[in-house]
Amino acid sequence: MTSKNSQEQLWIEHAKQGDQKSYYFLMGKFWDVLHYHVAKKVSNIEDQEDVCIISFSKAFKHLDSYNFDYAFTTWLFKIANNTITDFYRKKERGVDYQSIDSESFFANLGQTIACPNKNPEQHFILKQKITEMLEFMDSMKPQYKKLIELRYFQDLKLKEISEELNLPLGTVKVNLGRARTILITSLAEKLK
């Protein structure tokens, strides 16, 4: 086993135990390769980002089922392929796929703010993570920061954001996807 694989396995083991830094490391390492894989099958850029985010969310949610006998990318690509299939099925039925699943990405990384089962130490750690995310948001372009705030902190639906900002729904979707990507990659870069 190479040291590269050892490091990946270490990140995966830590992520299985809930270590947020390891989630960010894994995303930072595998985002581009997953995005390239998805882009070969999904032509729309905003849909590509949604599929990637949802795929990572599913991977992190089911990380305990990952088998170290296989490359992490193989497992991640399988999840992405299933996500793409679901994505197109739901799109054919006219379901807004983004509103169903992609928000769980942030829920998986940050968990919920008001979780009654957390002890004081866990509450403190969660508060630090939220503070760190807010600091990154302060460095974002105002348009992206506003979208993140409206979607994830005020819990507005995409249509409501479109009306609030007087922007076309497609523009809101594209810019929100970019904002999420910027936030995720910034967090991953900081932790390298």
N, C-alpha and C. Protein backbone atom coordinates (compact mmCIF):
# COMPACT_ATOMS: atom_id res chain seq x y z
N MET A 1 0.85 -1.18 0.00
CA MET A 1 0.00 0.00 0.00
C MET A 1 0.89 1.24 0.00
N THR A 2 0.60 2.17 -0.90
CA THR A 2 1.40 3.39 -0.98
C THR A 2 0.99 4.36 0.12
N SER A 3 1.85 5.33 0.37
CA SER A 3 1.53 6.32 1.41
C SER A 3 0.33 7.17 0.98
N LYS A 4 0.18 7.35 -0.35
CA LYS A 4 -0.97 8.10 -0.85
C LYS A 4 -2.25 7.39 -0.46
N ASN A 5 -2.31 6.07 -0.70
CA ASN A 5 -3.49 5.29 -0.33
C ASN A 5 -3.67 5.24 1.18
N SER A 6 -2.57 5.19 1.91
CA SER A 6 -2.64 5.18 3.36
C SER A 6 -3.27 6.48 3.87
N GLN A 7 -2.89 7.60 3.28
CA GLN A 7 -3.45 8.89 3.68
C GLN A 7 -4.94 8.94 3.38
N GLU A 8 -5.34 8.45 2.19
CA GLU A 8 -6.76 8.42 1.84
C GLU A 8 -7.52 7.54 2.82
N GLN A 9 -6.98 6.39 3.15
CA GLN A 9 -7.64 5.50 4.09
C GLN A 9 -7.76 6.14 5.47
N LEU A 10 -6.74 6.87 5.85
CA LEU A 10 -6.78 7.57 7.13
C LEU A 10 -7.89 8.62 7.13
N TRP A 11 -7.98 9.38 6.04
CA TRP A 11 -9.06 10.38 5.93
C TRP A 11 -10.42 9.70 6.00
N ILE A 12 -10.56 8.58 5.30
CA ILE A 12 -11.83 7.86 5.28
C ILE A 12 -12.17 7.36 6.68
N GLU A 13 -11.18 6.79 7.36
CA GLU A 13 -11.42 6.30 8.73
C GLU A 13 -11.83 7.44 9.66
N HIS A 14 -11.15 8.57 9.54
CA HIS A 14 -11.50 9.73 10.38
C HIS A 14 -12.88 10.26 10.01
N ALA A 15 -13.19 10.28 8.72
CA ALA A 15 -14.51 10.75 8.27
C ALA A 15 -15.61 9.83 8.80
N LYS A 16 -15.34 8.53 8.85
CA LYS A 16 -16.32 7.59 9.39
C LYS A 16 -16.63 7.91 10.85
N GLN A 17 -15.64 8.48 11.54
CA GLN A 17 -15.82 8.84 12.94
C GLN A 17 -16.39 10.24 13.10
N GLY A 18 -16.72 10.89 11.96
CA GLY A 18 -17.36 12.20 12.01
C GLY A 18 -16.41 13.38 11.95
N ASP A 19 -15.13 13.16 11.63
CA ASP A 19 -14.16 14.25 11.57
C ASP A 19 -14.42 15.10 10.32
N GLN A 20 -14.84 16.35 10.54
CA GLN A 20 -15.21 17.24 9.45
C GLN A 20 -14.03 17.57 8.54
N LYS A 21 -12.84 17.72 9.10
CA LYS A 21 -11.66 18.02 8.28
C LYS A 21 -11.44 16.93 7.24
N SER A 22 -11.67 15.71 7.64
CA SER A 22 -11.48 14.60 6.70
C SER A 22 -12.49 14.65 5.57
N TYR A 23 -13.72 15.06 5.88
CA TYR A 23 -14.71 15.25 4.81
C TYR A 23 -14.19 16.27 3.81
N TYR A 24 -13.68 17.38 4.32
CA TYR A 24 -13.18 18.45 3.44
C TYR A 24 -11.98 17.97 2.63
N PHE A 25 -11.08 17.23 3.27
CA PHE A 25 -9.92 16.70 2.54
C PHE A 25 -10.37 15.79 1.40
N LEU A 26 -11.31 14.89 1.70
CA LEU A 26 -11.79 13.97 0.67
C LEU A 26 -12.47 14.73 -0.46
N MET A 27 -13.27 15.71 -0.12
CA MET A 27 -13.91 16.51 -1.17
C MET A 27 -12.88 17.27 -1.99
N GLY A 28 -11.93 17.88 -1.31
CA GLY A 28 -10.90 18.63 -2.02
C GLY A 28 -10.09 17.74 -2.96
N LYS A 29 -9.81 16.54 -2.52
CA LYS A 29 -9.01 15.62 -3.33
C LYS A 29 -9.79 15.06 -4.52
N PHE A 30 -11.06 14.73 -4.31
CA PHE A 30 -11.81 14.00 -5.33
C PHE A 30 -12.83 14.85 -6.10
N TRP A 31 -12.98 16.13 -5.76
CA TRP A 31 -13.98 16.96 -6.43
C TRP A 31 -13.74 17.01 -7.95
N ASP A 32 -12.53 17.35 -8.37
CA ASP A 32 -12.26 17.52 -9.80
C ASP A 32 -12.45 16.24 -10.59
N VAL A 33 -11.98 15.13 -10.06
CA VAL A 33 -12.10 13.86 -10.78
C VAL A 33 -13.57 13.43 -10.86
N LEU A 34 -14.32 13.67 -9.79
CA LEU A 34 -15.75 13.34 -9.83
C LEU A 34 -16.48 14.26 -10.81
N HIS A 35 -16.16 15.53 -10.76
CA HIS A 35 -16.81 16.49 -11.66
C HIS A 35 -16.53 16.12 -13.11
N TYR A 36 -15.31 15.74 -13.42
CA TYR A 36 -14.95 15.32 -14.78
C TYR A 36 -15.78 14.10 -15.18
N HIS A 37 -15.90 13.13 -14.28
CA HIS A 37 -16.68 11.92 -14.54
C HIS A 37 -18.14 12.27 -14.81
N VAL A 38 -18.70 13.14 -13.99
CA VAL A 38 -20.11 13.52 -14.13
C VAL A 38 -20.31 14.34 -15.41
N ALA A 39 -19.36 15.21 -15.73
CA ALA A 39 -19.48 16.08 -16.91
C ALA A 39 -19.56 15.27 -18.20
N LYS A 40 -19.01 14.07 -18.21
CA LYS A 40 -19.10 13.22 -19.40
C LYS A 40 -20.52 12.71 -19.61
N LYS A 41 -21.33 12.74 -18.55
CA LYS A 41 -22.68 12.17 -18.63
C LYS A 41 -23.80 13.19 -18.47
N VAL A 42 -23.46 14.37 -17.94
CA VAL A 42 -24.45 15.42 -17.71
C VAL A 42 -23.93 16.69 -18.37
N SER A 43 -24.69 17.24 -19.29
CA SER A 43 -24.19 18.38 -20.07
C SER A 43 -24.35 19.73 -19.38
N ASN A 44 -25.40 19.92 -18.61
CA ASN A 44 -25.67 21.20 -17.98
C ASN A 44 -24.75 21.40 -16.77
N ILE A 45 -24.05 22.54 -16.73
CA ILE A 45 -23.06 22.80 -15.67
C ILE A 45 -23.69 22.81 -14.29
N GLU A 46 -24.85 23.47 -14.14
CA GLU A 46 -25.48 23.52 -12.81
C GLU A 46 -25.91 22.12 -12.37
N ASP A 47 -26.37 21.31 -13.32
CA ASP A 47 -26.75 19.94 -12.99
C ASP A 47 -25.52 19.12 -12.60
N GLN A 48 -24.40 19.36 -13.25
CA GLN A 48 -23.16 18.65 -12.91
C GLN A 48 -22.79 18.91 -11.45
N GLU A 49 -22.84 20.19 -11.06
CA GLU A 49 -22.49 20.54 -9.69
C GLU A 49 -23.45 19.93 -8.69
N ASP A 50 -24.75 19.96 -9.03
CA ASP A 50 -25.74 19.36 -8.14
C ASP A 50 -25.48 17.87 -7.97
N VAL A 51 -25.21 17.18 -9.08
CA VAL A 51 -24.96 15.73 -9.02
C VAL A 51 -23.71 15.45 -8.19
N CYS A 52 -22.67 16.26 -8.35
CA CYS A 52 -21.44 16.07 -7.56
C CYS A 52 -21.71 16.26 -6.07
N ILE A 53 -22.41 17.31 -5.73
CA ILE A 53 -22.69 17.59 -4.33
C ILE A 53 -23.55 16.48 -3.73
N ILE A 54 -24.56 16.07 -4.47
CA ILE A 54 -25.43 15.01 -3.98
C ILE A 54 -24.66 13.69 -3.85
N SER A 55 -23.78 13.43 -4.80
CA SER A 55 -22.97 12.20 -4.74
C SER A 55 -22.07 12.20 -3.52
N PHE A 56 -21.41 13.32 -3.24
CA PHE A 56 -20.58 13.39 -2.04
C PHE A 56 -21.44 13.23 -0.78
N SER A 57 -22.60 13.85 -0.79
CA SER A 57 -23.49 13.75 0.36
C SER A 57 -23.86 12.29 0.62
N LYS A 58 -24.23 11.59 -0.44
CA LYS A 58 -24.58 10.17 -0.29
C LYS A 58 -23.36 9.35 0.15
N ALA A 59 -22.21 9.65 -0.41
CA ALA A 59 -20.99 8.92 -0.04
C ALA A 59 -20.69 9.11 1.44
N PHE A 60 -20.76 10.35 1.91
CA PHE A 60 -20.46 10.60 3.32
C PHE A 60 -21.51 9.97 4.24
N LYS A 61 -22.76 9.97 3.79
CA LYS A 61 -23.83 9.39 4.60
C LYS A 61 -23.65 7.87 4.73
N HIS A 62 -23.13 7.24 3.68
CA HIS A 62 -22.99 5.78 3.67
C HIS A 62 -21.52 5.34 3.71
N LEU A 63 -20.67 6.14 4.29
CA LEU A 63 -19.24 5.86 4.31
C LEU A 63 -18.91 4.54 5.00
N ASP A 64 -19.74 4.14 5.94
CA ASP A 64 -19.51 2.86 6.63
C ASP A 64 -19.58 1.67 5.69
N SER A 65 -20.25 1.82 4.55
CA SER A 65 -20.37 0.70 3.62
C SER A 65 -19.21 0.64 2.61
N TYR A 66 -18.31 1.63 2.67
CA TYR A 66 -17.17 1.63 1.75
C TYR A 66 -16.23 0.47 2.08
N ASN A 67 -15.81 -0.24 1.04
CA ASN A 67 -14.90 -1.38 1.17
C ASN A 67 -13.51 -0.96 0.70
N PHE A 68 -12.53 -1.04 1.59
CA PHE A 68 -11.17 -0.60 1.27
C PHE A 68 -10.48 -1.47 0.21
N ASP A 69 -11.10 -2.57 -0.18
CA ASP A 69 -10.52 -3.41 -1.24
C ASP A 69 -10.62 -2.72 -2.61
N TYR A 70 -11.47 -1.72 -2.71
CA TYR A 70 -11.68 -1.01 -3.97
C TYR A 70 -11.23 0.43 -3.83
N ALA A 71 -10.88 1.03 -4.95
CA ALA A 71 -10.48 2.44 -4.94
C ALA A 71 -11.67 3.30 -4.53
N PHE A 72 -11.40 4.34 -3.76
CA PHE A 72 -12.47 5.24 -3.32
C PHE A 72 -13.17 5.85 -4.53
N THR A 73 -12.40 6.17 -5.58
CA THR A 73 -13.02 6.76 -6.77
C THR A 73 -13.99 5.80 -7.44
N THR A 74 -13.69 4.51 -7.45
CA THR A 74 -14.60 3.53 -8.04
C THR A 74 -15.93 3.56 -7.32
N TRP A 75 -15.87 3.57 -6.00
CA TRP A 75 -17.08 3.61 -5.18
C TRP A 75 -17.83 4.92 -5.39
N LEU A 76 -17.09 6.03 -5.42
CA LEU A 76 -17.69 7.35 -5.61
C LEU A 76 -18.33 7.46 -7.00
N PHE A 77 -17.68 6.91 -8.02
CA PHE A 77 -18.24 6.93 -9.38
C PHE A 77 -19.53 6.12 -9.45
N LYS A 78 -19.58 5.01 -8.74
CA LYS A 78 -20.81 4.19 -8.74
C LYS A 78 -21.95 4.98 -8.11
N ILE A 79 -21.67 5.65 -7.02
CA ILE A 79 -22.68 6.49 -6.38
C ILE A 79 -23.12 7.59 -7.34
N ALA A 80 -22.15 8.22 -8.02
CA ALA A 80 -22.48 9.28 -8.97
C ALA A 80 -23.33 8.75 -10.12
N ASN A 81 -22.99 7.57 -10.63
CA ASN A 81 -23.78 6.99 -11.72
C ASN A 81 -25.23 6.75 -11.29
N ASN A 82 -25.41 6.24 -10.07
CA ASN A 82 -26.76 6.04 -9.55
C ASN A 82 -27.48 7.37 -9.35
N THR A 83 -26.74 8.36 -8.90
CA THR A 83 -27.31 9.69 -8.70
C THR A 83 -27.74 10.29 -10.04
N ILE A 84 -26.93 10.10 -11.07
CA ILE A 84 -27.28 10.61 -12.40
C ILE A 84 -28.56 9.94 -12.89
N THR A 85 -28.66 8.64 -12.70
CA THR A 85 -29.88 7.92 -13.11
C THR A 85 -31.10 8.48 -12.38
N ASP A 86 -30.98 8.64 -11.06
CA ASP A 86 -32.08 9.23 -10.27
C ASP A 86 -32.39 10.64 -10.74
N PHE A 87 -31.34 11.39 -11.00
CA PHE A 87 -31.48 12.77 -11.43
C PHE A 87 -32.34 12.86 -12.69
N TYR A 88 -32.02 12.05 -13.69
CA TYR A 88 -32.77 12.10 -14.95
C TYR A 88 -34.19 11.57 -14.78
N ARG A 89 -34.37 10.57 -13.95
CA ARG A 89 -35.73 10.07 -13.69
C ARG A 89 -36.60 11.16 -13.07
N LYS A 90 -36.05 11.83 -12.07
CA LYS A 90 -36.81 12.88 -11.39
C LYS A 90 -37.03 14.07 -12.30
N LYS A 91 -36.06 14.38 -13.13
CA LYS A 91 -36.19 15.48 -14.06
C LYS A 91 -37.30 15.21 -15.07
N GLU A 92 -37.39 13.96 -15.52
CA GLU A 92 -38.45 13.58 -16.46
C GLU A 92 -39.83 13.75 -15.83
N ARG A 93 -39.91 13.52 -14.52
CA ARG A 93 -41.19 13.67 -13.82
C ARG A 93 -41.44 15.12 -13.40
N GLY A 94 -40.49 16.01 -13.68
CA GLY A 94 -40.66 17.42 -13.34
C GLY A 94 -40.38 17.76 -11.89
N VAL A 95 -39.64 16.92 -11.20
CA VAL A 95 -39.31 17.16 -9.79
C VAL A 95 -38.05 18.00 -9.71
N ASP A 96 -38.04 18.99 -8.81
CA ASP A 96 -36.85 19.83 -8.60
C ASP A 96 -35.87 19.03 -7.76
N TYR A 97 -34.94 18.36 -8.42
CA TYR A 97 -34.01 17.44 -7.75
C TYR A 97 -33.16 18.15 -6.71
N GLN A 98 -32.74 19.37 -7.03
CA GLN A 98 -31.86 20.10 -6.12
C GLN A 98 -32.51 20.30 -4.77
N SER A 99 -33.79 20.67 -4.76
CA SER A 99 -34.44 20.96 -3.49
C SER A 99 -34.60 19.70 -2.64
N ILE A 100 -34.56 18.52 -3.26
CA ILE A 100 -34.73 17.28 -2.51
C ILE A 100 -33.45 16.85 -1.82
N ASP A 101 -32.34 16.81 -2.56
CA ASP A 101 -31.16 16.14 -2.03
C ASP A 101 -29.93 17.00 -1.77
N SER A 102 -29.67 18.00 -2.59
CA SER A 102 -28.38 18.66 -2.46
C SER A 102 -28.21 19.41 -1.16
N GLU A 103 -29.31 19.78 -0.54
CA GLU A 103 -29.21 20.49 0.73
C GLU A 103 -28.67 19.56 1.82
N SER A 104 -28.85 18.26 1.65
CA SER A 104 -28.36 17.33 2.66
C SER A 104 -26.85 17.34 2.74
N PHE A 105 -26.19 17.85 1.69
CA PHE A 105 -24.74 17.96 1.74
C PHE A 105 -24.31 18.82 2.93
N PHE A 106 -24.91 20.00 3.04
CA PHE A 106 -24.55 20.88 4.14
C PHE A 106 -25.02 20.30 5.46
N ALA A 107 -26.14 19.62 5.46
CA ALA A 107 -26.62 18.98 6.68
C ALA A 107 -25.65 17.91 7.13
N ASN A 108 -25.10 17.15 6.20
CA ASN A 108 -24.15 16.09 6.57
C ASN A 108 -22.85 16.67 7.09
N LEU A 109 -22.38 17.76 6.52
CA LEU A 109 -21.12 18.34 6.97
C LEU A 109 -21.28 19.13 8.26
N GLY A 110 -22.28 19.95 8.29
CA GLY A 110 -22.45 20.80 9.46
C GLY A 110 -23.40 20.25 10.49
N GLN A 111 -24.14 19.20 10.11
CA GLN A 111 -25.20 18.64 10.91
C GLN A 111 -26.21 19.73 11.21
N THR A 112 -27.09 19.56 12.18
CA THR A 112 -28.07 20.59 12.45
C THR A 112 -27.65 21.40 13.66
N ILE A 113 -27.97 22.66 13.64
CA ILE A 113 -27.56 23.56 14.72
C ILE A 113 -28.24 23.20 16.02
N ALA A 114 -29.50 22.89 15.97
CA ALA A 114 -30.27 22.65 17.19
C ALA A 114 -30.48 21.17 17.44
N CYS A 115 -29.42 20.41 17.48
CA CYS A 115 -29.53 18.97 17.72
C CYS A 115 -29.54 18.73 19.23
N PRO A 116 -30.66 18.24 19.79
CA PRO A 116 -30.76 18.09 21.24
C PRO A 116 -29.87 17.00 21.82
N ASN A 117 -29.36 16.11 20.99
CA ASN A 117 -28.56 14.98 21.49
C ASN A 117 -27.08 15.31 21.63
N LYS A 118 -26.67 16.52 21.34
CA LYS A 118 -25.26 16.86 21.40
C LYS A 118 -24.88 17.29 22.82
N ASN A 119 -23.69 16.85 23.24
CA ASN A 119 -23.20 17.28 24.54
C ASN A 119 -22.56 18.66 24.38
N PRO A 120 -22.19 19.33 25.47
CA PRO A 120 -21.63 20.68 25.38
C PRO A 120 -20.39 20.78 24.49
N GLU A 121 -19.53 19.75 24.52
CA GLU A 121 -18.33 19.77 23.68
C GLU A 121 -18.72 19.73 22.20
N GLN A 122 -19.68 18.88 21.85
CA GLN A 122 -20.14 18.79 20.47
C GLN A 122 -20.78 20.10 20.02
N HIS A 123 -21.55 20.73 20.92
CA HIS A 123 -22.15 22.03 20.59
C HIS A 123 -21.06 23.06 20.33
N PHE A 124 -20.01 23.05 21.13
CA PHE A 124 -18.91 23.99 20.96
C PHE A 124 -18.21 23.77 19.62
N ILE A 125 -17.94 22.51 19.28
CA ILE A 125 -17.29 22.18 18.01
C ILE A 125 -18.16 22.61 16.84
N LEU A 126 -19.46 22.33 16.93
CA LEU A 126 -20.38 22.72 15.86
C LEU A 126 -20.42 24.24 15.71
N LYS A 127 -20.42 24.95 16.83
CA LYS A 127 -20.43 26.41 16.79
C LYS A 127 -19.16 26.93 16.11
N GLN A 128 -18.01 26.30 16.38
CA GLN A 128 -16.75 26.68 15.73
C GLN A 128 -16.84 26.47 14.22
N LYS A 129 -17.43 25.34 13.81
CA LYS A 129 -17.54 25.05 12.38
C LYS A 129 -18.44 26.05 11.69
N ILE A 130 -19.53 26.41 12.35
CA ILE A 130 -20.43 27.39 11.76
C ILE A 130 -19.73 28.74 11.67
N THR A 131 -18.98 29.11 12.70
CA THR A 131 -18.23 30.36 12.69
C THR A 131 -17.22 30.37 11.55
N GLU A 132 -16.53 29.24 11.36
CA GLU A 132 -15.56 29.12 10.28
C GLU A 132 -16.23 29.28 8.92
N MET A 133 -17.40 28.66 8.76
CA MET A 133 -18.13 28.77 7.50
C MET A 133 -18.56 30.22 7.26
N LEU A 134 -19.01 30.89 8.32
CA LEU A 134 -19.43 32.29 8.18
C LEU A 134 -18.25 33.18 7.81
N GLU A 135 -17.07 32.88 8.35
CA GLU A 135 -15.87 33.65 7.99
C GLU A 135 -15.56 33.48 6.51
N PHE A 136 -15.67 32.27 6.00
CA PHE A 136 -15.45 32.05 4.57
C PHE A 136 -16.49 32.79 3.75
N MET A 137 -17.72 32.79 4.24
CA MET A 137 -18.78 33.48 3.51
C MET A 137 -18.49 34.98 3.41
N ASP A 138 -17.90 35.54 4.46
CA ASP A 138 -17.57 36.97 4.44
C ASP A 138 -16.58 37.31 3.34
N SER A 139 -15.77 36.35 2.94
CA SER A 139 -14.78 36.61 1.89
C SER A 139 -15.35 36.37 0.48
N MET A 140 -16.57 35.85 0.40
CA MET A 140 -17.18 35.58 -0.90
C MET A 140 -17.75 36.86 -1.51
N LYS A 141 -17.96 36.83 -2.82
CA LYS A 141 -18.63 37.94 -3.48
C LYS A 141 -20.01 38.11 -2.84
N PRO A 142 -20.47 39.36 -2.69
CA PRO A 142 -21.76 39.60 -2.02
C PRO A 142 -22.93 38.81 -2.62
N GLN A 143 -22.95 38.67 -3.95
CA GLN A 143 -24.07 37.96 -4.59
C GLN A 143 -24.10 36.49 -4.16
N TYR A 144 -22.92 35.85 -4.02
CA TYR A 144 -22.86 34.46 -3.61
C TYR A 144 -23.19 34.32 -2.12
N LYS A 145 -22.65 35.23 -1.33
CA LYS A 145 -22.91 35.21 0.10
C LYS A 145 -24.41 35.32 0.36
N LYS A 146 -25.07 36.23 -0.35
CA LYS A 146 -26.51 36.43 -0.16
C LYS A 146 -27.29 35.16 -0.49
N LEU A 147 -26.90 34.49 -1.57
CA LEU A 147 -27.58 33.25 -1.96
C LEU A 147 -27.43 32.17 -0.89
N ILE A 148 -26.22 32.01 -0.36
CA ILE A 148 -25.98 31.01 0.69
C ILE A 148 -26.83 31.35 1.92
N GLU A 149 -26.84 32.63 2.29
CA GLU A 149 -27.63 33.04 3.46
C GLU A 149 -29.10 32.74 3.27
N LEU A 150 -29.65 33.12 2.11
CA LEU A 150 -31.08 32.92 1.86
C LEU A 150 -31.45 31.44 1.82
N ARG A 151 -30.59 30.64 1.19
CA ARG A 151 -30.92 29.23 1.01
C ARG A 151 -30.70 28.40 2.27
N TYR A 152 -29.55 28.59 2.93
CA TYR A 152 -29.18 27.70 4.02
C TYR A 152 -29.44 28.26 5.41
N PHE A 153 -29.52 29.56 5.55
CA PHE A 153 -29.75 30.12 6.87
C PHE A 153 -31.19 30.61 7.03
N GLN A 154 -31.79 31.07 5.92
CA GLN A 154 -33.20 31.47 5.99
C GLN A 154 -34.12 30.39 5.43
N ASP A 155 -33.52 29.33 4.88
CA ASP A 155 -34.25 28.16 4.39
C ASP A 155 -35.31 28.50 3.33
N LEU A 156 -35.00 29.45 2.46
CA LEU A 156 -35.92 29.79 1.38
C LEU A 156 -35.78 28.79 0.24
N LYS A 157 -36.86 28.55 -0.44
CA LYS A 157 -36.84 27.70 -1.64
C LYS A 157 -36.26 28.51 -2.79
N LEU A 158 -35.82 27.81 -3.83
CA LEU A 158 -35.20 28.50 -4.97
C LEU A 158 -36.13 29.53 -5.59
N LYS A 159 -37.39 29.17 -5.72
CA LYS A 159 -38.36 30.11 -6.30
C LYS A 159 -38.50 31.35 -5.43
N GLU A 160 -38.50 31.18 -4.11
CA GLU A 160 -38.59 32.32 -3.19
C GLU A 160 -37.36 33.22 -3.31
N ILE A 161 -36.20 32.60 -3.46
CA ILE A 161 -34.96 33.38 -3.64
C ILE A 161 -35.04 34.16 -4.94
N SER A 162 -35.53 33.52 -5.98
CA SER A 162 -35.68 34.17 -7.28
C SER A 162 -36.56 35.41 -7.16
N GLU A 163 -37.66 35.28 -6.45
CA GLU A 163 -38.57 36.41 -6.25
C GLU A 163 -37.94 37.48 -5.37
N GLU A 164 -37.28 37.05 -4.30
CA GLU A 164 -36.65 37.99 -3.35
C GLU A 164 -35.59 38.85 -4.04
N LEU A 165 -34.77 38.23 -4.89
CA LEU A 165 -33.67 38.94 -5.54
C LEU A 165 -34.05 39.46 -6.93
N ASN A 166 -35.28 39.15 -7.35
CA ASN A 166 -35.75 39.57 -8.67
C ASN A 166 -34.80 39.08 -9.78
N LEU A 167 -34.48 37.79 -9.69
CA LEU A 167 -33.60 37.14 -10.66
C LEU A 167 -34.32 35.94 -11.27
N PRO A 168 -34.00 35.60 -12.52
CA PRO A 168 -34.58 34.37 -13.09
C PRO A 168 -34.17 33.14 -12.27
N LEU A 169 -35.04 32.15 -12.21
CA LEU A 169 -34.79 30.94 -11.44
C LEU A 169 -33.51 30.24 -11.90
N GLY A 170 -33.28 30.20 -13.20
CA GLY A 170 -32.06 29.58 -13.73
C GLY A 170 -30.80 30.26 -13.23
N THR A 171 -30.83 31.58 -13.17
CA THR A 171 -29.68 32.35 -12.67
C THR A 171 -29.43 32.03 -11.20
N VAL A 172 -30.50 31.92 -10.43
CA VAL A 172 -30.37 31.59 -9.01
C VAL A 172 -29.74 30.21 -8.86
N LYS A 173 -30.20 29.23 -9.65
CA LYS A 173 -29.66 27.87 -9.56
C LYS A 173 -28.17 27.84 -9.91
N VAL A 174 -27.80 28.49 -11.00
CA VAL A 174 -26.39 28.49 -11.44
C VAL A 174 -25.51 29.17 -10.40
N ASN A 175 -25.94 30.35 -9.94
CA ASN A 175 -25.12 31.09 -8.98
C ASN A 175 -25.05 30.41 -7.62
N LEU A 176 -26.12 29.74 -7.21
CA LEU A 176 -26.08 29.01 -5.95
C LEU A 176 -25.13 27.82 -6.06
N GLY A 177 -25.14 27.16 -7.21
CA GLY A 177 -24.18 26.07 -7.44
C GLY A 177 -22.75 26.56 -7.37
N ARG A 178 -22.49 27.70 -7.99
CA ARG A 178 -21.14 28.28 -7.93
C ARG A 178 -20.77 28.65 -6.50
N ALA A 179 -21.73 29.24 -5.78
CA ALA A 179 -21.46 29.65 -4.41
C ALA A 179 -21.12 28.44 -3.54
N ARG A 180 -21.86 27.36 -3.71
CA ARG A 180 -21.56 26.14 -2.94
C ARG A 180 -20.18 25.62 -3.29
N THR A 181 -19.86 25.59 -4.57
CA THR A 181 -18.56 25.09 -5.01
C THR A 181 -17.43 25.94 -4.43
N ILE A 182 -17.59 27.24 -4.48
CA ILE A 182 -16.57 28.15 -3.93
C ILE A 182 -16.40 27.89 -2.43
N LEU A 183 -17.50 27.77 -1.72
CA LEU A 183 -17.44 27.55 -0.28
C LEU A 183 -16.76 26.22 0.06
N ILE A 184 -17.15 25.18 -0.64
CA ILE A 184 -16.59 23.85 -0.39
C ILE A 184 -15.09 23.81 -0.71
N THR A 185 -14.71 24.34 -1.87
CA THR A 185 -13.29 24.29 -2.24
C THR A 185 -12.46 25.18 -1.35
N SER A 186 -13.02 26.30 -0.89
CA SER A 186 -12.28 27.17 0.03
C SER A 186 -12.01 26.47 1.35
N LEU A 187 -13.03 25.78 1.86
CA LEU A 187 -12.84 25.03 3.11
C LEU A 187 -11.81 23.93 2.93
N ALA A 188 -11.88 23.23 1.81
CA ALA A 188 -10.92 22.14 1.55
C ALA A 188 -9.51 22.69 1.44
N GLU A 189 -9.34 23.82 0.74
CA GLU A 189 -8.01 24.41 0.57
C GLU A 189 -7.43 24.85 1.91
N LYS A 190 -8.25 25.42 2.77
CA LYS A 190 -7.77 25.89 4.07
C LYS A 190 -7.22 24.74 4.91
N LEU A 191 -7.82 23.58 4.75
CA LEU A 191 -7.46 22.45 5.61
C LEU A 191 -6.34 21.60 5.04
N LYS A 192 -5.84 21.95 3.85
CA LYS A 192 -4.73 21.15 3.26
C LYS A 192 -3.46 21.37 4.01
